[in-house]
């Protein structure tokens, strides 16, 4: 398990974690104060579940939901999700059998 650095070179509120593999987690992306709308786009070779997590305290992580009482943000193939959230930070978390995925995110306050 490794912590994958976040790359912010895309600009305009876009960031990405590249080559996320089995049991990796992404470094936290701190969101704007007051919350954000985030768009998540994932590509690559799966074989397991990629879960998107959030934290309020910066220590304890939980699975993000698409809305109050909504569906967990978990992908088993290339795909897209949108989440409106007021958490402090977000990150991807890879299942043990993830082969190689790239995770792109855009956060808009």
C-alpha atoms as a PDB file:
ATOM      1  CA  UNK A   1       0.000   0.000   0.000  1.00  0.00           C
ATOM      2  CA  UNK A   2       1.292   3.417  -0.962  1.00  0.00           C
ATOM      3  CA  UNK A   3      -0.001   6.955  -0.697  1.00  0.00           C
ATOM      4  CA  UNK A   4      -0.169   8.351  -4.239  1.00  0.00           C
ATOM      5  CA  UNK A   5       0.700  12.042  -4.559  1.00  0.00           C
ATOM      6  CA  UNK A   6      -1.888  14.334  -6.079  1.00  0.00           C
ATOM      7  CA  UNK A   7      -0.899  16.252  -9.188  1.00  0.00           C
ATOM      8  CA  UNK A   8      -2.406  19.706  -9.632  1.00  0.00           C
ATOM      9  CA  UNK A   9      -0.718  20.613 -12.934  1.00  0.00           C
ATOM     10  CA  UNK A  10      -3.978  20.549 -14.919  1.00  0.00           C
ATOM     11  CA  UNK A  11      -5.127  23.875 -13.420  1.00  0.00           C
ATOM     12  CA  UNK A  12      -8.663  25.279 -13.297  1.00  0.00           C
ATOM     13  CA  UNK A  13      -9.595  23.249 -10.205  1.00  0.00           C
ATOM     14  CA  UNK A  14      -8.550  19.949 -11.854  1.00  0.00           C
ATOM     15  CA  UNK A  15      -6.258  17.448 -10.136  1.00  0.00           C
ATOM     16  CA  UNK A  16      -5.327  13.788 -10.580  1.00  0.00           C
ATOM     17  CA  UNK A  17      -3.809  10.750  -8.932  1.00  0.00           C
ATOM     18  CA  UNK A  18      -1.893   8.632 -11.470  1.00  0.00           C
ATOM     19  CA  UNK A  19      -1.190   4.882 -11.352  1.00  0.00           C
ATOM     20  CA  UNK A  20      -3.250   3.940  -8.315  1.00  0.00           C
ATOM     21  CA  UNK A  21      -2.821   0.195  -7.706  1.00  0.00           C
ATOM     22  CA  UNK A  22      -3.830  -2.455  -5.157  1.00  0.00           C
ATOM     23  CA  UNK A  23      -4.582  -1.060  -1.685  1.00  0.00           C
ATOM     24  CA  UNK A  24      -3.163   2.404  -2.504  1.00  0.00           C
ATOM     25  CA  UNK A  25      -4.787   5.560  -1.209  1.00  0.00           C
ATOM     26  CA  UNK A  26      -4.484   8.997  -2.729  1.00  0.00           C
ATOM     27  CA  UNK A  27      -2.988  11.902  -0.833  1.00  0.00           C
ATOM     28  CA  UNK A  28      -5.781  14.104   0.475  1.00  0.00           C
ATOM     29  CA  UNK A  29      -7.216  16.858  -1.666  1.00  0.00           C
ATOM     30  CA  UNK A  30      -8.305  19.646   0.660  1.00  0.00           C
ATOM     31  CA  UNK A  31     -11.555  21.201  -0.554  1.00  0.00           C
ATOM     32  CA  UNK A  32     -12.531  24.896  -0.431  1.00  0.00           C
ATOM     33  CA  UNK A  33     -14.070  26.141   2.817  1.00  0.00           C
ATOM     34  CA  UNK A  34     -17.830  25.824   2.805  1.00  0.00           C
ATOM     35  CA  UNK A  35     -17.841  22.743   0.596  1.00  0.00           C
ATOM     36  CA  UNK A  36     -17.568  21.970  -3.074  1.00  0.00           C
ATOM     37  CA  UNK A  37     -19.150  20.252  -6.022  1.00  0.00           C
ATOM     38  CA  UNK A  38     -16.700  17.621  -7.224  1.00  0.00           C
ATOM     39  CA  UNK A  39     -16.604  15.692 -10.479  1.00  0.00           C
ATOM     40  CA  UNK A  40     -14.713  12.384 -10.470  1.00  0.00           C
ATOM     41  CA  UNK A  41     -13.552  10.626 -13.646  1.00  0.00           C
ATOM     42  CA  UNK A  42     -11.726   7.289 -13.402  1.00  0.00           C
ATOM     43  CA  UNK A  43      -9.973   5.295 -16.146  1.00  0.00           C
ATOM     44  CA  UNK A  44      -7.711   2.242 -16.211  1.00  0.00           C
ATOM     45  CA  UNK A  45      -7.566  -1.447 -15.377  1.00  0.00           C
ATOM     46  CA  UNK A  46      -9.697  -2.421 -12.409  1.00  0.00           C
ATOM     47  CA  UNK A  47     -10.248  -5.965 -11.065  1.00  0.00           C
ATOM     48  CA  UNK A  48     -11.604  -4.565  -7.781  1.00  0.00           C
ATOM     49  CA  UNK A  49     -13.433  -1.540  -6.365  1.00  0.00           C
ATOM     50  CA  UNK A  50     -12.131   2.020  -6.208  1.00  0.00           C
ATOM     51  CA  UNK A  51     -13.850   3.864  -3.365  1.00  0.00           C
ATOM     52  CA  UNK A  52     -13.930   7.634  -2.988  1.00  0.00           C
ATOM     53  CA  UNK A  53     -13.549   8.761   0.609  1.00  0.00           C
ATOM     54  CA  UNK A  54     -14.037  11.961   2.586  1.00  0.00           C
ATOM     55  CA  UNK A  55     -12.933  13.246   5.977  1.00  0.00           C
ATOM     56  CA  UNK A  56     -14.110  16.024   8.225  1.00  0.00           C
ATOM     57  CA  UNK A  57     -11.370  15.793  10.857  1.00  0.00           C
ATOM     58  CA  UNK A  58      -8.424  14.947   8.572  1.00  0.00           C
ATOM     59  CA  UNK A  59      -7.896  11.584  10.310  1.00  0.00           C
ATOM     60  CA  UNK A  60     -10.968   9.365   9.992  1.00  0.00           C
ATOM     61  CA  UNK A  61     -12.064   8.513   6.431  1.00  0.00           C
ATOM     62  CA  UNK A  62     -15.497   7.326   5.268  1.00  0.00           C
ATOM     63  CA  UNK A  63     -17.047   6.442   1.901  1.00  0.00           C
ATOM     64  CA  UNK A  64     -18.564   9.465   0.156  1.00  0.00           C
ATOM     65  CA  UNK A  65     -22.206   9.286  -0.927  1.00  0.00           C
ATOM     66  CA  UNK A  66     -23.770  10.835  -4.033  1.00  0.00           C
ATOM     67  CA  UNK A  67     -26.099  12.782  -1.718  1.00  0.00           C
ATOM     68  CA  UNK A  68     -27.758  12.496   1.693  1.00  0.00           C
ATOM     69  CA  UNK A  69     -28.837   8.875   1.930  1.00  0.00           C
ATOM     70  CA  UNK A  70     -27.443   8.351  -1.582  1.00  0.00           C
ATOM     71  CA  UNK A  71     -25.325   5.717  -3.250  1.00  0.00           C
ATOM     72  CA  UNK A  72     -21.717   5.107  -2.204  1.00  0.00           C
ATOM     73  CA  UNK A  73     -19.135   6.480  -4.657  1.00  0.00           C
ATOM     74  CA  UNK A  74     -17.552   3.152  -5.616  1.00  0.00           C
ATOM     75  CA  UNK A  75     -16.409   2.278  -9.154  1.00  0.00           C
ATOM     76  CA  UNK A  76     -15.532  -1.158 -10.546  1.00  0.00           C
ATOM     77  CA  UNK A  77     -14.892   0.082 -14.099  1.00  0.00           C
ATOM     78  CA  UNK A  78     -14.044   3.329 -15.851  1.00  0.00           C
ATOM     79  CA  UNK A  79     -16.706   5.869 -14.996  1.00  0.00           C
ATOM     80  CA  UNK A  80     -17.848   9.201 -13.656  1.00  0.00           C
ATOM     81  CA  UNK A  81     -19.536  10.497 -10.507  1.00  0.00           C
ATOM     82  CA  UNK A  82     -20.538  13.873  -9.077  1.00  0.00           C
ATOM     83  CA  UNK A  83     -20.718  14.686  -5.400  1.00  0.00           C
ATOM     84  CA  UNK A  84     -21.782  17.814  -3.559  1.00  0.00           C
ATOM     85  CA  UNK A  85     -20.052  17.795  -0.190  1.00  0.00           C
ATOM     86  CA  UNK A  86     -18.874  19.925   2.702  1.00  0.00           C
ATOM     87  CA  UNK A  87     -16.121  17.552   3.883  1.00  0.00           C
ATOM     88  CA  UNK A  88     -12.629  18.866   4.627  1.00  0.00           C
ATOM     89  CA  UNK A  89     -10.801  16.617   2.135  1.00  0.00           C
ATOM     90  CA  UNK A  90     -11.296  13.723  -0.311  1.00  0.00           C
ATOM     91  CA  UNK A  91      -9.159  10.879  -1.675  1.00  0.00           C
ATOM     92  CA  UNK A  92      -9.449   7.641  -3.664  1.00  0.00           C
ATOM     93  CA  UNK A  93      -8.912   4.280  -1.975  1.00  0.00           C
ATOM     94  CA  UNK A  94      -8.114   1.210  -4.103  1.00  0.00           C
ATOM     95  CA  UNK A  95      -9.224  -2.349  -3.410  1.00  0.00           C
ATOM     96  CA  UNK A  96      -6.461  -4.962  -3.128  1.00  0.00           C
ATOM     97  CA  UNK A  97      -6.841  -6.201  -6.730  1.00  0.00           C
ATOM     98  CA  UNK A  98      -6.870  -2.830  -8.545  1.00  0.00           C
ATOM     99  CA  UNK A  99      -4.315  -3.112 -11.358  1.00  0.00           C
ATOM    100  CA  UNK A 100      -3.738   0.468 -12.548  1.00  0.00           C
ATOM    101  CA  UNK A 101      -6.208   3.342 -12.482  1.00  0.00           C
ATOM    102  CA  UNK A 102      -5.936   7.084 -12.963  1.00  0.00           C
ATOM    103  CA  UNK A 103      -8.330   9.267 -10.993  1.00  0.00           C
ATOM    104  CA  UNK A 104      -9.197  12.786 -12.156  1.00  0.00           C
ATOM    105  CA  UNK A 105     -11.146  15.255 -10.046  1.00  0.00           C
ATOM    106  CA  UNK A 106     -12.424  18.787 -10.470  1.00  0.00           C
ATOM    107  CA  UNK A 107     -13.554  20.709  -7.406  1.00  0.00           C
ATOM    108  CA  UNK A 108     -15.674  23.845  -7.726  1.00  0.00           C
ATOM    109  CA  UNK A 109     -16.575  25.932  -4.678  1.00  0.00           C
END
